[in-house]
């Protein structure tokens, strides 16, 4: 049996229930918090309410470590240069 490496989002949500929608909601929450908006206010915003279930919002509010872990992960990705388009293009043509 081949063991597949779980994505960060799957590990964060404890399984395979993670979806693109959940990822986008977390990214939005992180973006808004980086703008100085309080977590409780962000989860009350229309975008979050429209795209996250009541249970997901409860999970986020009861465990803000989810948001902090996602924020740290995204910071690490950006700092690593993994998403640097120019670097990726030069590696491909290299």
PDB file of N, CA and C in Angstrom:
ATOM      1  N   UNK A   1       0.838  -1.167   0.000  1.00  0.00           N
ATOM      2  CA  UNK A   1       0.000   0.000   0.000  1.00  0.00           C
ATOM      3  C   UNK A   1       0.889   1.238   0.000  1.00  0.00           C
ATOM      4  N   UNK A   2       0.670   2.124  -0.935  1.00  0.00           N
ATOM      5  CA  UNK A   2       1.471   3.328  -1.051  1.00  0.00           C
ATOM      6  C   UNK A   2       0.922   4.416  -0.145  1.00  0.00           C
ATOM      7  N   UNK A   3       1.778   5.015   0.633  1.00  0.00           N
ATOM      8  CA  UNK A   3       1.361   6.079   1.529  1.00  0.00           C
ATOM      9  C   UNK A   3       1.556   7.417   0.829  1.00  0.00           C
ATOM     10  N   UNK A   4       0.453   8.133   0.628  1.00  0.00           N
ATOM     11  CA  UNK A   4       0.546   9.430  -0.022  1.00  0.00           C
ATOM     12  C   UNK A   4       0.777  10.496   1.029  1.00  0.00           C
ATOM     13  N   UNK A   5       1.593  11.461   0.671  1.00  0.00           N
ATOM     14  CA  UNK A   5       1.851  12.574   1.569  1.00  0.00           C
ATOM     15  C   UNK A   5       0.621  13.469   1.593  1.00  0.00           C
ATOM     16  N   UNK A   6       0.090  13.720   2.784  1.00  0.00           N
ATOM     17  CA  UNK A   6      -1.083  14.580   2.903  1.00  0.00           C
ATOM     18  C   UNK A   6      -0.672  16.030   2.737  1.00  0.00           C
ATOM     19  N   UNK A   7      -1.545  16.808   2.137  1.00  0.00           N
ATOM     20  CA  UNK A   7      -1.274  18.229   1.976  1.00  0.00           C
ATOM     21  C   UNK A   7      -1.365  18.913   3.340  1.00  0.00           C
ATOM     22  N   UNK A   8      -0.814  20.092   3.391  1.00  0.00           N
ATOM     23  CA  UNK A   8      -0.892  20.875   4.621  1.00  0.00           C
ATOM     24  C   UNK A   8      -2.340  21.049   5.044  1.00  0.00           C
ATOM     25  N   UNK A   9      -3.207  21.346   4.095  1.00  0.00           N
ATOM     26  CA  UNK A   9      -4.606  21.608   4.414  1.00  0.00           C
ATOM     27  C   UNK A   9      -5.286  20.352   4.955  1.00  0.00           C
ATOM     28  N   UNK A  10      -4.954  19.186   4.402  1.00  0.00           N
ATOM     29  CA  UNK A  10      -5.524  17.945   4.916  1.00  0.00           C
ATOM     30  C   UNK A  10      -5.060  17.692   6.345  1.00  0.00           C
ATOM     31  N   UNK A  11      -3.778  17.935   6.591  1.00  0.00           N
ATOM     32  CA  UNK A  11      -3.260  17.746   7.953  1.00  0.00           C
ATOM     33  C   UNK A  11      -3.888  18.749   8.906  1.00  0.00           C
ATOM     34  N   UNK A  12      -4.078  19.969   8.448  1.00  0.00           N
ATOM     35  CA  UNK A  12      -4.645  21.021   9.272  1.00  0.00           C
ATOM     36  C   UNK A  12      -6.073  20.691   9.692  1.00  0.00           C
ATOM     37  N   UNK A  13      -6.835  20.144   8.758  1.00  0.00           N
ATOM     38  CA  UNK A  13      -8.224  19.814   9.055  1.00  0.00           C
ATOM     39  C   UNK A  13      -8.410  18.372   9.491  1.00  0.00           C
ATOM     40  N   UNK A  14      -7.316  17.658   9.673  1.00  0.00           N
ATOM     41  CA  UNK A  14      -7.400  16.313  10.223  1.00  0.00           C
ATOM     42  C   UNK A  14      -7.973  15.273   9.290  1.00  0.00           C
ATOM     43  N   UNK A  15      -7.697  15.342   8.034  1.00  0.00           N
ATOM     44  CA  UNK A  15      -8.189  14.320   7.119  1.00  0.00           C
ATOM     45  C   UNK A  15      -8.374  14.861   5.734  1.00  0.00           C
ATOM     46  N   UNK A  16      -9.187  14.169   4.973  1.00  0.00           N
ATOM     47  CA  UNK A  16      -9.357  14.543   3.571  1.00  0.00           C
ATOM     48  C   UNK A  16     -10.572  15.428   3.347  1.00  0.00           C
ATOM     49  N   UNK A  17     -11.189  15.932   4.408  1.00  0.00           N
ATOM     50  CA  UNK A  17     -12.385  16.740   4.221  1.00  0.00           C
ATOM     51  C   UNK A  17     -12.067  18.152   3.748  1.00  0.00           C
ATOM     52  N   UNK A  18     -10.776  18.489   3.772  1.00  0.00           N
ATOM     53  CA  UNK A  18     -10.372  19.811   3.320  1.00  0.00           C
ATOM     54  C   UNK A  18     -10.742  19.996   1.854  1.00  0.00           C
ATOM     55  N   UNK A  19     -11.179  21.178   1.528  1.00  0.00           N
ATOM     56  CA  UNK A  19     -11.564  21.457   0.157  1.00  0.00           C
ATOM     57  C   UNK A  19     -10.968  22.787  -0.274  1.00  0.00           C
ATOM     58  N   UNK A  20     -11.051  23.038  -1.552  1.00  0.00           N
ATOM     59  CA  UNK A  20     -10.582  24.309  -2.077  1.00  0.00           C
ATOM     60  C   UNK A  20     -11.357  25.442  -1.416  1.00  0.00           C
ATOM     61  N   UNK A  21     -12.642  25.241  -1.212  1.00  0.00           N
ATOM     62  CA  UNK A  21     -13.478  26.264  -0.576  1.00  0.00           C
ATOM     63  C   UNK A  21     -12.958  26.582   0.817  1.00  0.00           C
ATOM     64  N   UNK A  22     -12.659  25.555   1.616  1.00  0.00           N
ATOM     65  CA  UNK A  22     -12.140  25.776   2.966  1.00  0.00           C
ATOM     66  C   UNK A  22     -10.805  26.501   2.922  1.00  0.00           C
ATOM     67  N   UNK A  23      -9.969  26.141   1.979  1.00  0.00           N
ATOM     68  CA  UNK A  23      -8.673  26.797   1.843  1.00  0.00           C
ATOM     69  C   UNK A  23      -8.853  28.275   1.527  1.00  0.00           C
ATOM     70  N   UNK A  24      -9.761  28.582   0.623  1.00  0.00           N
ATOM     71  CA  UNK A  24      -9.992  29.976   0.248  1.00  0.00           C
ATOM     72  C   UNK A  24     -10.547  30.777   1.425  1.00  0.00           C
ATOM     73  N   UNK A  25     -11.425  30.169   2.201  1.00  0.00           N
ATOM     74  CA  UNK A  25     -11.969  30.858   3.372  1.00  0.00           C
ATOM     75  C   UNK A  25     -10.849  31.147   4.370  1.00  0.00           C
ATOM     76  N   UNK A  26     -10.003  30.164   4.635  1.00  0.00           N
ATOM     77  CA  UNK A  26      -8.888  30.388   5.563  1.00  0.00           C
ATOM     78  C   UNK A  26      -7.935  31.455   5.032  1.00  0.00           C
ATOM     79  N   UNK A  27      -7.645  31.411   3.744  1.00  0.00           N
ATOM     80  CA  UNK A  27      -6.766  32.419   3.167  1.00  0.00           C
ATOM     81  C   UNK A  27      -7.380  33.812   3.301  1.00  0.00           C
ATOM     82  N   UNK A  28      -8.695  33.909   3.109  1.00  0.00           N
ATOM     83  CA  UNK A  28      -9.386  35.190   3.272  1.00  0.00           C
ATOM     84  C   UNK A  28      -9.291  35.661   4.722  1.00  0.00           C
ATOM     85  N   UNK A  29      -9.543  34.754   5.652  1.00  0.00           N
ATOM     86  CA  UNK A  29      -9.471  35.104   7.076  1.00  0.00           C
ATOM     87  C   UNK A  29      -8.070  35.613   7.425  1.00  0.00           C
ATOM     88  N   UNK A  30      -7.066  34.908   6.956  1.00  0.00           N
ATOM     89  CA  UNK A  30      -5.686  35.313   7.223  1.00  0.00           C
ATOM     90  C   UNK A  30      -5.406  36.690   6.624  1.00  0.00           C
ATOM     91  N   UNK A  31      -5.841  36.889   5.383  1.00  0.00           N
ATOM     92  CA  UNK A  31      -5.645  38.179   4.720  1.00  0.00           C
ATOM     93  C   UNK A  31      -6.266  39.306   5.541  1.00  0.00           C
ATOM     94  N   UNK A  32      -7.487  39.118   5.972  1.00  0.00           N
ATOM     95  CA  UNK A  32      -8.195  40.154   6.746  1.00  0.00           C
ATOM     96  C   UNK A  32      -7.529  40.373   8.100  1.00  0.00           C
ATOM     97  N   UNK A  33      -7.080  39.311   8.738  1.00  0.00           N
ATOM     98  CA  UNK A  33      -6.402  39.463  10.027  1.00  0.00           C
ATOM     99  C   UNK A  33      -5.084  40.209   9.842  1.00  0.00           C
ATOM    100  N   UNK A  34      -4.395  39.966   8.732  1.00  0.00           N
ATOM    101  CA  UNK A  34      -3.163  40.705   8.453  1.00  0.00           C
ATOM    102  C   UNK A  34      -3.435  42.190   8.232  1.00  0.00           C
ATOM    103  N   UNK A  35      -4.673  42.527   7.894  1.00  0.00           N
ATOM    104  CA  UNK A  35      -5.073  43.922   7.749  1.00  0.00           C
ATOM    105  C   UNK A  35      -5.482  44.530   9.096  1.00  0.00           C
ATOM    106  N   UNK A  36      -5.413  43.724  10.152  1.00  0.00           N
ATOM    107  CA  UNK A  36      -5.707  44.223  11.489  1.00  0.00           C
ATOM    108  C   UNK A  36      -7.118  43.976  11.985  1.00  0.00           C
ATOM    109  N   UNK A  37      -7.896  43.215  11.223  1.00  0.00           N
ATOM    110  CA  UNK A  37      -9.274  42.925  11.625  1.00  0.00           C
ATOM    111  C   UNK A  37      -9.265  41.752  12.599  1.00  0.00           C
ATOM    112  N   UNK A  38     -10.021  41.862  13.669  1.00  0.00           N
ATOM    113  CA  UNK A  38     -10.113  40.820  14.686  1.00  0.00           C
ATOM    114  C   UNK A  38     -10.779  39.562  14.118  1.00  0.00           C
ATOM    115  N   UNK A  39     -10.313  38.401  14.563  1.00  0.00           N
ATOM    116  CA  UNK A  39     -10.848  37.124  14.074  1.00  0.00           C
ATOM    117  C   UNK A  39     -12.366  37.045  14.210  1.00  0.00           C
ATOM    118  N   UNK A  40     -12.887  37.444  15.356  1.00  0.00           N
ATOM    119  CA  UNK A  40     -14.340  37.371  15.575  1.00  0.00           C
ATOM    120  C   UNK A  40     -15.097  38.236  14.571  1.00  0.00           C
ATOM    121  N   UNK A  41     -14.526  39.375  14.209  1.00  0.00           N
ATOM    122  CA  UNK A  41     -15.175  40.240  13.217  1.00  0.00           C
ATOM    123  C   UNK A  41     -15.086  39.639  11.817  1.00  0.00           C
ATOM    124  N   UNK A  42     -13.944  39.038  11.505  1.00  0.00           N
ATOM    125  CA  UNK A  42     -13.759  38.451  10.175  1.00  0.00           C
ATOM    126  C   UNK A  42     -14.759  37.326   9.943  1.00  0.00           C
ATOM    127  N   UNK A  43     -14.943  36.452  10.919  1.00  0.00           N
ATOM    128  CA  UNK A  43     -15.860  35.324  10.692  1.00  0.00           C
ATOM    129  C   UNK A  43     -17.310  35.783  10.601  1.00  0.00           C
ATOM    130  N   UNK A  44     -17.585  37.008  10.986  1.00  0.00           N
ATOM    131  CA  UNK A  44     -18.926  37.559  10.835  1.00  0.00           C
ATOM    132  C   UNK A  44     -19.162  38.207   9.478  1.00  0.00           C
ATOM    133  N   UNK A  45     -18.099  38.332   8.688  1.00  0.00           N
ATOM    134  CA  UNK A  45     -18.232  38.968   7.377  1.00  0.00           C
ATOM    135  C   UNK A  45     -18.987  38.059   6.407  1.00  0.00           C
ATOM    136  N   UNK A  46     -19.657  38.711   5.456  1.00  0.00           N
ATOM    137  CA  UNK A  46     -20.512  37.987   4.516  1.00  0.00           C
ATOM    138  C   UNK A  46     -19.774  36.888   3.760  1.00  0.00           C
ATOM    139  N   UNK A  47     -18.556  37.174   3.292  1.00  0.00           N
ATOM    140  CA  UNK A  47     -17.807  36.173   2.522  1.00  0.00           C
ATOM    141  C   UNK A  47     -17.625  34.893   3.320  1.00  0.00           C
ATOM    142  N   UNK A  48     -17.235  35.035   4.568  1.00  0.00           N
ATOM    143  CA  UNK A  48     -17.000  33.857   5.403  1.00  0.00           C
ATOM    144  C   UNK A  48     -18.311  33.141   5.672  1.00  0.00           C
ATOM    145  N   UNK A  49     -19.344  33.869   6.032  1.00  0.00           N
ATOM    146  CA  UNK A  49     -20.647  33.269   6.328  1.00  0.00           C
ATOM    147  C   UNK A  49     -21.227  32.537   5.121  1.00  0.00           C
ATOM    148  N   UNK A  50     -20.969  33.070   3.935  1.00  0.00           N
ATOM    149  CA  UNK A  50     -21.503  32.472   2.713  1.00  0.00           C
ATOM    150  C   UNK A  50     -20.730  31.210   2.314  1.00  0.00           C
ATOM    151  N   UNK A  51     -19.437  31.147   2.658  1.00  0.00           N
ATOM    152  CA  UNK A  51     -18.585  30.072   2.163  1.00  0.00           C
ATOM    153  C   UNK A  51     -18.141  29.067   3.219  1.00  0.00           C
ATOM    154  N   UNK A  52     -18.525  29.258   4.454  1.00  0.00           N
ATOM    155  CA  UNK A  52     -18.164  28.310   5.510  1.00  0.00           C
ATOM    156  C   UNK A  52     -19.427  27.914   6.263  1.00  0.00           C
ATOM    157  N   UNK A  53     -19.484  26.660   6.637  1.00  0.00           N
ATOM    158  CA  UNK A  53     -20.639  26.196   7.401  1.00  0.00           C
ATOM    159  C   UNK A  53     -20.547  26.728   8.831  1.00  0.00           C
ATOM    160  N   UNK A  54     -21.651  26.675   9.522  1.00  0.00           N
ATOM    161  CA  UNK A  54     -21.664  27.078  10.928  1.00  0.00           C
ATOM    162  C   UNK A  54     -20.671  26.280  11.746  1.00  0.00           C
ATOM    163  N   UNK A  55     -20.569  25.003  11.445  1.00  0.00           N
ATOM    164  CA  UNK A  55     -19.625  24.123  12.156  1.00  0.00           C
ATOM    165  C   UNK A  55     -18.184  24.541  11.888  1.00  0.00           C
ATOM    166  N   UNK A  56     -17.869  24.860  10.634  1.00  0.00           N
ATOM    167  CA  UNK A  56     -16.507  25.292  10.297  1.00  0.00           C
ATOM    168  C   UNK A  56     -16.152  26.590  11.017  1.00  0.00           C
ATOM    169  N   UNK A  57     -17.112  27.518  11.074  1.00  0.00           N
ATOM    170  CA  UNK A  57     -16.874  28.776  11.776  1.00  0.00           C
ATOM    171  C   UNK A  57     -16.675  28.522  13.266  1.00  0.00           C
ATOM    172  N   UNK A  58     -17.482  27.656  13.841  1.00  0.00           N
ATOM    173  CA  UNK A  58     -17.307  27.292  15.253  1.00  0.00           C
ATOM    174  C   UNK A  58     -15.925  26.692  15.499  1.00  0.00           C
ATOM    175  N   UNK A  59     -15.494  25.818  14.594  1.00  0.00           N
ATOM    176  CA  UNK A  59     -14.173  25.193  14.730  1.00  0.00           C
ATOM    177  C   UNK A  59     -13.070  26.244  14.715  1.00  0.00           C
ATOM    178  N   UNK A  60     -13.193  27.197  13.827  1.00  0.00           N
ATOM    179  CA  UNK A  60     -12.179  28.254  13.724  1.00  0.00           C
ATOM    180  C   UNK A  60     -12.165  29.102  14.984  1.00  0.00           C
ATOM    181  N   UNK A  61     -13.347  29.467  15.469  1.00  0.00           N
ATOM    182  CA  UNK A  61     -13.406  30.303  16.667  1.00  0.00           C
ATOM    183  C   UNK A  61     -12.973  29.556  17.925  1.00  0.00           C
ATOM    184  N   UNK A  62     -13.271  28.265  17.984  1.00  0.00           N
ATOM    185  CA  UNK A  62     -12.894  27.506  19.173  1.00  0.00           C
ATOM    186  C   UNK A  62     -11.431  27.082  19.135  1.00  0.00           C
ATOM    187  N   UNK A  63     -10.819  27.142  17.956  1.00  0.00           N
ATOM    188  CA  UNK A  63      -9.425  26.738  17.824  1.00  0.00           C
ATOM    189  C   UNK A  63      -8.699  27.715  16.900  1.00  0.00           C
ATOM    190  N   UNK A  64      -8.391  28.919  17.396  1.00  0.00           N
ATOM    191  CA  UNK A  64      -7.716  29.895  16.539  1.00  0.00           C
ATOM    192  C   UNK A  64      -6.330  29.437  16.088  1.00  0.00           C
ATOM    193  N   UNK A  65      -5.834  28.335  16.672  1.00  0.00           N
ATOM    194  CA  UNK A  65      -4.552  27.787  16.221  1.00  0.00           C
ATOM    195  C   UNK A  65      -4.637  27.343  14.762  1.00  0.00           C
ATOM    196  N   UNK A  66      -5.842  26.998  14.305  1.00  0.00           N
ATOM    197  CA  UNK A  66      -6.031  26.635  12.897  1.00  0.00           C
ATOM    198  C   UNK A  66      -5.604  27.800  12.013  1.00  0.00           C
ATOM    199  N   UNK A  67      -6.098  28.980  12.343  1.00  0.00           N
ATOM    200  CA  UNK A  67      -5.773  30.159  11.553  1.00  0.00           C
ATOM    201  C   UNK A  67      -4.291  30.491  11.681  1.00  0.00           C
ATOM    202  N   UNK A  68      -3.758  30.416  12.875  1.00  0.00           N
ATOM    203  CA  UNK A  68      -2.341  30.726  13.077  1.00  0.00           C
ATOM    204  C   UNK A  68      -1.447  29.737  12.325  1.00  0.00           C
ATOM    205  N   UNK A  69      -1.796  28.465  12.339  1.00  0.00           N
ATOM    206  CA  UNK A  69      -1.011  27.466  11.612  1.00  0.00           C
ATOM    207  C   UNK A  69      -1.066  27.734  10.111  1.00  0.00           C
ATOM    208  N   UNK A  70      -2.235  28.078   9.608  1.00  0.00           N
ATOM    209  CA  UNK A  70      -2.370  28.375   8.188  1.00  0.00           C
ATOM    210  C   UNK A  70      -1.590  29.634   7.831  1.00  0.00           C
ATOM    211  N   UNK A  71      -1.643  30.629   8.686  1.00  0.00           N
ATOM    212  CA  UNK A  71      -0.897  31.867   8.437  1.00  0.00           C
ATOM    213  C   UNK A  71       0.606  31.580   8.378  1.00  0.00           C
ATOM    214  N   UNK A  72       1.102  30.809   9.325  1.00  0.00           N
ATOM    215  CA  UNK A  72       2.527  30.478   9.362  1.00  0.00           C
ATOM    216  C   UNK A  72       2.927  29.698   8.106  1.00  0.00           C
ATOM    217  N   UNK A  73       2.093  28.747   7.717  1.00  0.00           N
ATOM    218  CA  UNK A  73       2.378  27.950   6.525  1.00  0.00           C
ATOM    219  C   UNK A  73       2.484  28.841   5.289  1.00  0.00           C
ATOM    220  N   UNK A  74       1.533  29.751   5.117  1.00  0.00           N
ATOM    221  CA  UNK A  74       1.566  30.632   3.960  1.00  0.00           C
ATOM    222  C   UNK A  74       2.787  31.546   3.993  1.00  0.00           C
ATOM    223  N   UNK A  75       3.141  32.054   5.165  1.00  0.00           N
ATOM    224  CA  UNK A  75       4.340  32.890   5.284  1.00  0.00           C
ATOM    225  C   UNK A  75       5.582  32.107   4.875  1.00  0.00           C
ATOM    226  N   UNK A  76       5.666  30.858   5.329  1.00  0.00           N
ATOM    227  CA  UNK A  76       6.808  30.015   4.985  1.00  0.00           C
ATOM    228  C   UNK A  76       6.907  29.793   3.483  1.00  0.00           C
ATOM    229  N   UNK A  77       5.770  29.567   2.835  1.00  0.00           N
ATOM    230  CA  UNK A  77       5.757  29.356   1.384  1.00  0.00           C
ATOM    231  C   UNK A  77       6.256  30.607   0.660  1.00  0.00           C
ATOM    232  N   UNK A  78       5.740  31.767   1.071  1.00  0.00           N
ATOM    233  CA  UNK A  78       6.155  32.998   0.410  1.00  0.00           C
ATOM    234  C   UNK A  78       7.626  33.295   0.650  1.00  0.00           C
ATOM    235  N   UNK A  79       8.102  33.077   1.857  1.00  0.00           N
ATOM    236  CA  UNK A  79       9.510  33.322   2.171  1.00  0.00           C
ATOM    237  C   UNK A  79      10.441  32.366   1.438  1.00  0.00           C
ATOM    238  N   UNK A  80       9.979  31.148   1.182  1.00  0.00           N
ATOM    239  CA  UNK A  80      10.830  30.147   0.539  1.00  0.00           C
ATOM    240  C   UNK A  80      11.096  30.464  -0.927  1.00  0.00           C
ATOM    241  N   UNK A  81      10.255  31.300  -1.515  1.00  0.00           N
ATOM    242  CA  UNK A  81      10.397  31.602  -2.931  1.00  0.00           C
ATOM    243  C   UNK A  81       9.738  30.560  -3.821  1.00  0.00           C
ATOM    244  N   UNK A  82       9.086  29.585  -3.208  1.00  0.00           N
ATOM    245  CA  UNK A  82       8.428  28.511  -3.955  1.00  0.00           C
ATOM    246  C   UNK A  82       7.417  29.045  -4.962  1.00  0.00           C
ATOM    247  N   UNK A  83       6.832  30.182  -4.659  1.00  0.00           N
ATOM    248  CA  UNK A  83       5.821  30.751  -5.547  1.00  0.00           C
ATOM    249  C   UNK A  83       6.378  31.836  -6.457  1.00  0.00           C
ATOM    250  N   UNK A  84       7.690  32.024  -6.451  1.00  0.00           N
ATOM    251  CA  UNK A  84       8.332  33.036  -7.280  1.00  0.00           C
ATOM    252  C   UNK A  84       8.264  32.607  -8.746  1.00  0.00           C
ATOM    253  N   UNK A  85       7.429  33.266  -9.514  1.00  0.00           N
ATOM    254  CA  UNK A  85       7.184  32.896 -10.902  1.00  0.00           C
ATOM    255  C   UNK A  85       8.465  32.960 -11.725  1.00  0.00           C
ATOM    256  N   UNK A  86       9.242  34.030 -11.561  1.00  0.00           N
ATOM    257  CA  UNK A  86      10.471  34.174 -12.354  1.00  0.00           C
ATOM    258  C   UNK A  86      11.457  33.053 -12.053  1.00  0.00           C
ATOM    259  N   UNK A  87      11.580  32.689 -10.792  1.00  0.00           N
ATOM    260  CA  UNK A  87      12.499  31.602 -10.416  1.00  0.00           C
ATOM    261  C   UNK A  87      12.025  30.272 -11.007  1.00  0.00           C
ATOM    262  N   UNK A  88      10.728  30.010 -10.923  1.00  0.00           N
ATOM    263  CA  UNK A  88      10.192  28.751 -11.452  1.00  0.00           C
ATOM    264  C   UNK A  88      10.395  28.681 -12.954  1.00  0.00           C
ATOM    265  N   UNK A  89      10.214  29.793 -13.651  1.00  0.00           N
ATOM    266  CA  UNK A  89      10.376  29.812 -15.100  1.00  0.00           C
ATOM    267  C   UNK A  89      11.830  29.543 -15.477  1.00  0.00           C
ATOM    268  N   UNK A  90      12.779  30.151 -14.734  1.00  0.00           N
ATOM    269  CA  UNK A  90      14.186  29.928 -15.059  1.00  0.00           C
ATOM    270  C   UNK A  90      14.601  28.497 -14.753  1.00  0.00           C
ATOM    271  N   UNK A  91      14.007  27.887 -13.716  1.00  0.00           N
ATOM    272  CA  UNK A  91      14.300  26.483 -13.407  1.00  0.00           C
ATOM    273  C   UNK A  91      13.806  25.560 -14.522  1.00  0.00           C
ATOM    274  N   UNK A  92      12.670  25.893 -15.115  1.00  0.00           N
ATOM    275  CA  UNK A  92      12.087  25.069 -16.167  1.00  0.00           C
ATOM    276  C   UNK A  92      12.885  25.168 -17.473  1.00  0.00           C
ATOM    277  N   UNK A  93      13.413  26.343 -17.742  1.00  0.00           N
ATOM    278  CA  UNK A  93      14.151  26.533 -18.992  1.00  0.00           C
ATOM    279  C   UNK A  93      15.631  26.242 -18.830  1.00  0.00           C
ATOM    280  N   UNK A  94      16.080  26.205 -17.574  1.00  0.00           N
ATOM    281  CA  UNK A  94      17.395  26.048 -17.160  1.00  0.00           C
ATOM    282  C   UNK A  94      18.399  25.254 -17.644  1.00  0.00           C
TER     283      UNK A  94
END
